[in-house]
């Protein structure tokens, strides 16, 4: 009889102890006192998406009627890239292409010529860049620096007396910038990015009567918002 009482007492003690532990587990999990840091999102993998932004392009030329002009406009396009995460550091490559409305034109009246309109536009551009980022503790936010090559189309044009002449040129440039990307859902992220690129001197070969040959240099600064899907 005494053995039965001892067994029942031991069983009651075990049940009471397990019940108390079970009641304490949720509190420990919810407070995060005894468990590891929050899970860090892994940025490793391919991604693709779209972007939209606004750009300014400072253009200097050798024309006697204008020492400089400022092109501006909106653009939009798509990007594709790959990230590899090692600890908090994220390394990647990204390529993008944009359709652009960045342009400017101005008109001057010249002796013997009349109204002369000079214009410049960047119909499209793109970049191929490396990225180095740092993922913060939560894992959902990454700040990064980026650098690489930019390419695109530069199109000067001129019109006088009802005649318009233009040429299209492509020129490579160095590009550099920075951005921040935020994982807003399991496979979706949004980013804010700023880039700067400089084409260097462009010998356009566009020769106009009296004015002569147009040679230009384009320096562009763009800011854009992007949306990416991570595969």
C-alpha atoms as a PDB file:
ATOM      1  CA  UNK A   1       0.000   0.000   0.000  1.00  0.00           C
ATOM      2  CA  UNK A   2       2.841   2.332   0.843  1.00  0.00           C
ATOM      3  CA  UNK A   3       4.492   1.549  -2.518  1.00  0.00           C
ATOM      4  CA  UNK A   4       1.278   2.528  -4.315  1.00  0.00           C
ATOM      5  CA  UNK A   5       1.166   5.836  -2.440  1.00  0.00           C
ATOM      6  CA  UNK A   6       4.829   6.500  -3.285  1.00  0.00           C
ATOM      7  CA  UNK A   7       4.224   5.686  -7.000  1.00  0.00           C
ATOM      8  CA  UNK A   8       1.131   7.896  -7.185  1.00  0.00           C
ATOM      9  CA  UNK A   9       3.001  10.725  -5.469  1.00  0.00           C
ATOM     10  CA  UNK A  10       5.949  10.415  -7.889  1.00  0.00           C
ATOM     11  CA  UNK A  11       3.606  10.362 -10.902  1.00  0.00           C
ATOM     12  CA  UNK A  12       1.801  13.450  -9.621  1.00  0.00           C
ATOM     13  CA  UNK A  13       5.122  15.222  -9.154  1.00  0.00           C
ATOM     14  CA  UNK A  14       6.221  14.383 -12.714  1.00  0.00           C
ATOM     15  CA  UNK A  15       2.896  15.539 -14.233  1.00  0.00           C
ATOM     16  CA  UNK A  16       3.000  18.762 -12.211  1.00  0.00           C
ATOM     17  CA  UNK A  17       6.593  19.471 -13.346  1.00  0.00           C
ATOM     18  CA  UNK A  18       5.812  18.801 -17.049  1.00  0.00           C
ATOM     19  CA  UNK A  19       2.680  20.953 -16.882  1.00  0.00           C
ATOM     20  CA  UNK A  20       4.611  23.839 -15.393  1.00  0.00           C
ATOM     21  CA  UNK A  21       7.290  23.536 -18.096  1.00  0.00           C
ATOM     22  CA  UNK A  22       4.670  23.445 -20.833  1.00  0.00           C
ATOM     23  CA  UNK A  23       3.076  26.597 -19.483  1.00  0.00           C
ATOM     24  CA  UNK A  24       6.407  28.395 -19.389  1.00  0.00           C
ATOM     25  CA  UNK A  25       7.507  27.582 -22.975  1.00  0.00           C
ATOM     26  CA  UNK A  26       5.197  30.024 -24.796  1.00  0.00           C
ATOM     27  CA  UNK A  27       6.240  32.841 -22.473  1.00  0.00           C
ATOM     28  CA  UNK A  28       9.893  32.141 -23.141  1.00  0.00           C
ATOM     29  CA  UNK A  29       9.350  32.013 -26.918  1.00  0.00           C
ATOM     30  CA  UNK A  30       7.267  35.174 -27.016  1.00  0.00           C
ATOM     31  CA  UNK A  31       9.755  37.150 -24.968  1.00  0.00           C
ATOM     32  CA  UNK A  32      12.735  35.734 -26.864  1.00  0.00           C
ATOM     33  CA  UNK A  33      14.746  35.359 -23.658  1.00  0.00           C
ATOM     34  CA  UNK A  34      16.062  31.856 -24.157  1.00  0.00           C
ATOM     35  CA  UNK A  35      16.053  31.391 -27.874  1.00  0.00           C
ATOM     36  CA  UNK A  36      18.350  32.597 -30.650  1.00  0.00           C
ATOM     37  CA  UNK A  37      18.237  35.850 -32.619  1.00  0.00           C
ATOM     38  CA  UNK A  38      15.455  36.338 -35.195  1.00  0.00           C
ATOM     39  CA  UNK A  39      15.939  34.387 -38.435  1.00  0.00           C
ATOM     40  CA  UNK A  40      18.059  36.223 -41.034  1.00  0.00           C
ATOM     41  CA  UNK A  41      16.764  36.260 -44.570  1.00  0.00           C
ATOM     42  CA  UNK A  42      19.114  34.687 -47.079  1.00  0.00           C
ATOM     43  CA  UNK A  43      19.601  37.030 -50.040  1.00  0.00           C
ATOM     44  CA  UNK A  44      21.397  34.353 -52.052  1.00  0.00           C
ATOM     45  CA  UNK A  45      19.834  33.625 -55.444  1.00  0.00           C
ATOM     46  CA  UNK A  46      18.583  35.113 -58.681  1.00  0.00           C
ATOM     47  CA  UNK A  47      16.125  37.989 -58.823  1.00  0.00           C
ATOM     48  CA  UNK A  48      14.432  40.136 -61.439  1.00  0.00           C
ATOM     49  CA  UNK A  49      12.121  43.112 -61.472  1.00  0.00           C
ATOM     50  CA  UNK A  50      11.170  46.519 -62.776  1.00  0.00           C
ATOM     51  CA  UNK A  51      12.093  50.085 -61.891  1.00  0.00           C
ATOM     52  CA  UNK A  52      10.999  53.656 -62.508  1.00  0.00           C
ATOM     53  CA  UNK A  53      12.865  56.875 -61.889  1.00  0.00           C
ATOM     54  CA  UNK A  54      13.917  60.400 -62.764  1.00  0.00           C
ATOM     55  CA  UNK A  55      17.213  61.541 -64.219  1.00  0.00           C
ATOM     56  CA  UNK A  56      19.260  64.683 -64.754  1.00  0.00           C
ATOM     57  CA  UNK A  57      21.999  64.863 -67.360  1.00  0.00           C
ATOM     58  CA  UNK A  58      24.375  67.786 -67.512  1.00  0.00           C
ATOM     59  CA  UNK A  59      25.659  68.247 -71.046  1.00  0.00           C
ATOM     60  CA  UNK A  60      28.562  70.516 -72.026  1.00  0.00           C
ATOM     61  CA  UNK A  61      29.450  71.191 -75.646  1.00  0.00           C
ATOM     62  CA  UNK A  62      31.675  73.342 -77.798  1.00  0.00           C
ATOM     63  CA  UNK A  63      28.881  75.350 -79.401  1.00  0.00           C
ATOM     64  CA  UNK A  64      29.244  79.133 -79.376  1.00  0.00           C
ATOM     65  CA  UNK A  65      25.519  79.537 -78.605  1.00  0.00           C
ATOM     66  CA  UNK A  66      25.422  77.344 -75.484  1.00  0.00           C
ATOM     67  CA  UNK A  67      28.152  76.413 -73.047  1.00  0.00           C
ATOM     68  CA  UNK A  68      25.995  73.966 -71.123  1.00  0.00           C
ATOM     69  CA  UNK A  69      22.479  72.651 -70.884  1.00  0.00           C
ATOM     70  CA  UNK A  70      20.574  70.368 -68.536  1.00  0.00           C
ATOM     71  CA  UNK A  71      18.606  67.397 -69.780  1.00  0.00           C
ATOM     72  CA  UNK A  72      15.976  65.858 -67.537  1.00  0.00           C
ATOM     73  CA  UNK A  73      13.111  63.397 -67.701  1.00  0.00           C
ATOM     74  CA  UNK A  74      11.651  60.124 -66.520  1.00  0.00           C
ATOM     75  CA  UNK A  75      12.708  56.591 -67.408  1.00  0.00           C
ATOM     76  CA  UNK A  76      11.652  53.040 -66.705  1.00  0.00           C
ATOM     77  CA  UNK A  77      12.970  49.565 -67.300  1.00  0.00           C
ATOM     78  CA  UNK A  78      13.852  46.152 -65.930  1.00  0.00           C
ATOM     79  CA  UNK A  79      16.733  44.524 -64.071  1.00  0.00           C
ATOM     80  CA  UNK A  80      18.093  41.030 -63.519  1.00  0.00           C
ATOM     81  CA  UNK A  81      20.684  39.987 -60.970  1.00  0.00           C
ATOM     82  CA  UNK A  82      22.216  37.450 -58.633  1.00  0.00           C
ATOM     83  CA  UNK A  83      23.205  37.748 -54.955  1.00  0.00           C
ATOM     84  CA  UNK A  84      25.448  35.620 -52.774  1.00  0.00           C
ATOM     85  CA  UNK A  85      25.268  36.130 -49.014  1.00  0.00           C
ATOM     86  CA  UNK A  86      28.106  35.279 -46.640  1.00  0.00           C
ATOM     87  CA  UNK A  87      27.236  36.179 -43.074  1.00  0.00           C
ATOM     88  CA  UNK A  88      25.967  39.743 -43.066  1.00  0.00           C
ATOM     89  CA  UNK A  89      27.706  40.595 -46.366  1.00  0.00           C
ATOM     90  CA  UNK A  90      25.950  40.283 -49.707  1.00  0.00           C
ATOM     91  CA  UNK A  91      27.830  40.229 -53.032  1.00  0.00           C
ATOM     92  CA  UNK A  92      26.094  40.434 -56.370  1.00  0.00           C
ATOM     93  CA  UNK A  93      25.896  41.336 -60.041  1.00  0.00           C
ATOM     94  CA  UNK A  94      23.075  43.265 -61.693  1.00  0.00           C
ATOM     95  CA  UNK A  95      22.241  44.271 -65.266  1.00  0.00           C
ATOM     96  CA  UNK A  96      19.457  46.635 -66.310  1.00  0.00           C
ATOM     97  CA  UNK A  97      18.099  48.458 -69.352  1.00  0.00           C
ATOM     98  CA  UNK A  98      15.931  51.592 -69.441  1.00  0.00           C
ATOM     99  CA  UNK A  99      13.742  53.430 -71.927  1.00  0.00           C
ATOM    100  CA  UNK A 100      14.340  57.132 -71.331  1.00  0.00           C
ATOM    101  CA  UNK A 101      12.661  60.492 -71.857  1.00  0.00           C
ATOM    102  CA  UNK A 102      15.703  62.449 -70.652  1.00  0.00           C
ATOM    103  CA  UNK A 103      16.100  65.348 -73.093  1.00  0.00           C
ATOM    104  CA  UNK A 104      16.470  69.094 -73.613  1.00  0.00           C
ATOM    105  CA  UNK A 105      16.351  71.575 -76.497  1.00  0.00           C
ATOM    106  CA  UNK A 106      16.859  75.279 -76.968  1.00  0.00           C
ATOM    107  CA  UNK A 107      16.463  77.779 -79.812  1.00  0.00           C
ATOM    108  CA  UNK A 108      18.619  80.749 -80.789  1.00  0.00           C
ATOM    109  CA  UNK A 109      18.346  83.253 -83.648  1.00  0.00           C
ATOM    110  CA  UNK A 110      21.537  83.593 -85.667  1.00  0.00           C
ATOM    111  CA  UNK A 111      22.394  86.042 -88.423  1.00  0.00           C
ATOM    112  CA  UNK A 112      21.859  84.622 -91.928  1.00  0.00           C
ATOM    113  CA  UNK A 113      20.557  81.383 -90.397  1.00  0.00           C
ATOM    114  CA  UNK A 114      17.420  82.423 -88.560  1.00  0.00           C
ATOM    115  CA  UNK A 115      16.063  80.228 -85.808  1.00  0.00           C
ATOM    116  CA  UNK A 116      18.383  77.371 -84.956  1.00  0.00           C
ATOM    117  CA  UNK A 117      17.149  74.682 -82.571  1.00  0.00           C
ATOM    118  CA  UNK A 118      19.669  72.446 -80.877  1.00  0.00           C
ATOM    119  CA  UNK A 119      18.506  69.430 -78.916  1.00  0.00           C
ATOM    120  CA  UNK A 120      19.864  66.420 -77.072  1.00  0.00           C
ATOM    121  CA  UNK A 121      18.189  63.260 -75.843  1.00  0.00           C
ATOM    122  CA  UNK A 122      19.060  59.926 -74.272  1.00  0.00           C
ATOM    123  CA  UNK A 123      16.580  57.435 -75.787  1.00  0.00           C
ATOM    124  CA  UNK A 124      17.811  54.498 -73.715  1.00  0.00           C
ATOM    125  CA  UNK A 125      20.579  53.457 -71.345  1.00  0.00           C
ATOM    126  CA  UNK A 126      21.577  50.548 -69.164  1.00  0.00           C
ATOM    127  CA  UNK A 127      24.186  49.383 -66.695  1.00  0.00           C
ATOM    128  CA  UNK A 128      26.124  46.256 -65.706  1.00  0.00           C
ATOM    129  CA  UNK A 129      27.383  46.561 -62.130  1.00  0.00           C
ATOM    130  CA  UNK A 130      28.742  44.730 -59.140  1.00  0.00           C
ATOM    131  CA  UNK A 131      27.130  45.222 -55.735  1.00  0.00           C
ATOM    132  CA  UNK A 132      28.452  44.857 -52.187  1.00  0.00           C
ATOM    133  CA  UNK A 133      25.836  45.070 -49.460  1.00  0.00           C
ATOM    134  CA  UNK A 134      25.425  44.681 -45.727  1.00  0.00           C
ATOM    135  CA  UNK A 135      22.318  42.943 -44.355  1.00  0.00           C
ATOM    136  CA  UNK A 136      21.266  44.318 -40.985  1.00  0.00           C
ATOM    137  CA  UNK A 137      20.356  42.130 -37.993  1.00  0.00           C
ATOM    138  CA  UNK A 138      16.713  41.717 -38.977  1.00  0.00           C
ATOM    139  CA  UNK A 139      17.871  40.338 -42.323  1.00  0.00           C
ATOM    140  CA  UNK A 140      15.166  42.192 -44.229  1.00  0.00           C
ATOM    141  CA  UNK A 141      17.110  45.406 -44.982  1.00  0.00           C
ATOM    142  CA  UNK A 142      20.315  45.644 -46.996  1.00  0.00           C
ATOM    143  CA  UNK A 143      22.373  48.766 -47.740  1.00  0.00           C
ATOM    144  CA  UNK A 144      24.779  48.487 -50.656  1.00  0.00           C
ATOM    145  CA  UNK A 145      27.332  50.250 -52.825  1.00  0.00           C
ATOM    146  CA  UNK A 146      27.523  49.545 -56.542  1.00  0.00           C
ATOM    147  CA  UNK A 147      29.914  50.265 -59.423  1.00  0.00           C
ATOM    148  CA  UNK A 148      30.403  49.146 -62.994  1.00  0.00           C
ATOM    149  CA  UNK A 149      29.729  50.129 -66.594  1.00  0.00           C
ATOM    150  CA  UNK A 150      26.937  52.181 -68.102  1.00  0.00           C
ATOM    151  CA  UNK A 151      25.979  52.219 -71.764  1.00  0.00           C
ATOM    152  CA  UNK A 152      23.365  54.021 -73.763  1.00  0.00           C
ATOM    153  CA  UNK A 153      22.360  56.135 -76.702  1.00  0.00           C
ATOM    154  CA  UNK A 154      23.132  59.822 -77.006  1.00  0.00           C
ATOM    155  CA  UNK A 155      21.308  61.646 -79.799  1.00  0.00           C
ATOM    156  CA  UNK A 156      22.092  65.276 -80.676  1.00  0.00           C
ATOM    157  CA  UNK A 157      19.891  66.980 -83.266  1.00  0.00           C
ATOM    158  CA  UNK A 158      19.564  70.375 -84.880  1.00  0.00           C
ATOM    159  CA  UNK A 159      16.992  72.049 -87.086  1.00  0.00           C
ATOM    160  CA  UNK A 160      16.986  75.255 -89.121  1.00  0.00           C
ATOM    161  CA  UNK A 161      14.931  76.400 -92.088  1.00  0.00           C
ATOM    162  CA  UNK A 162      12.657  73.390 -91.828  1.00  0.00           C
ATOM    163  CA  UNK A 163      15.528  70.895 -92.056  1.00  0.00           C
ATOM    164  CA  UNK A 164      16.433  68.612 -89.143  1.00  0.00           C
ATOM    165  CA  UNK A 165      19.637  66.620 -88.870  1.00  0.00           C
ATOM    166  CA  UNK A 166      20.510  64.164 -86.127  1.00  0.00           C
ATOM    167  CA  UNK A 167      22.838  61.323 -85.303  1.00  0.00           C
ATOM    168  CA  UNK A 168      22.776  58.548 -82.732  1.00  0.00           C
ATOM    169  CA  UNK A 169      25.827  57.427 -80.765  1.00  0.00           C
ATOM    170  CA  UNK A 170      26.484  54.801 -78.169  1.00  0.00           C
ATOM    171  CA  UNK A 171      29.128  55.347 -75.567  1.00  0.00           C
ATOM    172  CA  UNK A 172      30.327  53.410 -72.525  1.00  0.00           C
ATOM    173  CA  UNK A 173      30.721  55.140 -69.186  1.00  0.00           C
ATOM    174  CA  UNK A 174      31.700  54.388 -65.621  1.00  0.00           C
ATOM    175  CA  UNK A 175      28.786  54.146 -63.192  1.00  0.00           C
ATOM    176  CA  UNK A 176      28.754  54.261 -59.395  1.00  0.00           C
ATOM    177  CA  UNK A 177      26.155  54.700 -56.701  1.00  0.00           C
ATOM    178  CA  UNK A 178      24.458  53.352 -53.606  1.00  0.00           C
ATOM    179  CA  UNK A 179      21.092  52.091 -52.497  1.00  0.00           C
ATOM    180  CA  UNK A 180      18.998  50.342 -49.903  1.00  0.00           C
ATOM    181  CA  UNK A 181      16.791  47.272 -50.463  1.00  0.00           C
ATOM    182  CA  UNK A 182      13.997  46.092 -48.183  1.00  0.00           C
ATOM    183  CA  UNK A 183      12.452  42.624 -48.175  1.00  0.00           C
ATOM    184  CA  UNK A 184       8.756  43.484 -47.905  1.00  0.00           C
ATOM    185  CA  UNK A 185       7.469  39.901 -48.299  1.00  0.00           C
ATOM    186  CA  UNK A 186       8.866  36.388 -48.496  1.00  0.00           C
ATOM    187  CA  UNK A 187      10.063  36.730 -52.111  1.00  0.00           C
ATOM    188  CA  UNK A 188       9.518  40.416 -52.824  1.00  0.00           C
ATOM    189  CA  UNK A 189      11.784  43.374 -52.177  1.00  0.00           C
ATOM    190  CA  UNK A 190      11.721  47.051 -53.026  1.00  0.00           C
ATOM    191  CA  UNK A 191      14.748  49.299 -53.445  1.00  0.00           C
ATOM    192  CA  UNK A 192      15.744  52.957 -53.642  1.00  0.00           C
ATOM    193  CA  UNK A 193      18.904  53.603 -55.654  1.00  0.00           C
ATOM    194  CA  UNK A 194      20.975  56.554 -56.861  1.00  0.00           C
ATOM    195  CA  UNK A 195      23.554  56.291 -59.661  1.00  0.00           C
ATOM    196  CA  UNK A 196      26.005  58.634 -61.346  1.00  0.00           C
ATOM    197  CA  UNK A 197      27.764  58.061 -64.661  1.00  0.00           C
ATOM    198  CA  UNK A 198      29.979  60.095 -66.979  1.00  0.00           C
ATOM    199  CA  UNK A 199      30.358  59.363 -70.694  1.00  0.00           C
ATOM    200  CA  UNK A 200      33.569  61.279 -71.096  1.00  0.00           C
ATOM    201  CA  UNK A 201      34.058  63.281 -74.293  1.00  0.00           C
ATOM    202  CA  UNK A 202      31.852  62.337 -77.247  1.00  0.00           C
ATOM    203  CA  UNK A 203      33.023  63.451 -80.667  1.00  0.00           C
ATOM    204  CA  UNK A 204      29.598  63.423 -82.247  1.00  0.00           C
ATOM    205  CA  UNK A 205      30.646  64.249 -85.793  1.00  0.00           C
ATOM    206  CA  UNK A 206      27.468  66.272 -86.230  1.00  0.00           C
ATOM    207  CA  UNK A 207      28.578  69.313 -88.251  1.00  0.00           C
ATOM    208  CA  UNK A 208      26.332  72.323 -88.785  1.00  0.00           C
ATOM    209  CA  UNK A 209      26.891  75.347 -91.063  1.00  0.00           C
ATOM    210  CA  UNK A 210      28.446  78.280 -89.194  1.00  0.00           C
ATOM    211  CA  UNK A 211      28.163  76.411 -85.873  1.00  0.00           C
ATOM    212  CA  UNK A 212      30.626  73.674 -86.748  1.00  0.00           C
ATOM    213  CA  UNK A 213      31.027  70.225 -85.220  1.00  0.00           C
ATOM    214  CA  UNK A 214      29.264  69.363 -81.973  1.00  0.00           C
ATOM    215  CA  UNK A 215      31.395  67.639 -79.352  1.00  0.00           C
ATOM    216  CA  UNK A 216      29.767  66.860 -76.034  1.00  0.00           C
ATOM    217  CA  UNK A 217      30.220  65.291 -72.619  1.00  0.00           C
ATOM    218  CA  UNK A 218      27.239  63.921 -70.696  1.00  0.00           C
ATOM    219  CA  UNK A 219      27.170  63.503 -66.916  1.00  0.00           C
ATOM    220  CA  UNK A 220      24.038  61.816 -65.595  1.00  0.00           C
ATOM    221  CA  UNK A 221      22.546  61.402 -62.145  1.00  0.00           C
ATOM    222  CA  UNK A 222      19.505  59.187 -61.691  1.00  0.00           C
ATOM    223  CA  UNK A 223      17.304  58.154 -58.785  1.00  0.00           C
ATOM    224  CA  UNK A 224      14.935  55.210 -59.065  1.00  0.00           C
ATOM    225  CA  UNK A 225      12.577  52.936 -57.199  1.00  0.00           C
ATOM    226  CA  UNK A 226      12.597  49.233 -58.003  1.00  0.00           C
ATOM    227  CA  UNK A 227      10.582  46.116 -57.255  1.00  0.00           C
ATOM    228  CA  UNK A 228      12.269  42.674 -57.328  1.00  0.00           C
ATOM    229  CA  UNK A 229      11.044  39.089 -57.179  1.00  0.00           C
ATOM    230  CA  UNK A 230      13.539  36.620 -55.684  1.00  0.00           C
ATOM    231  CA  UNK A 231      13.492  33.160 -57.276  1.00  0.00           C
END
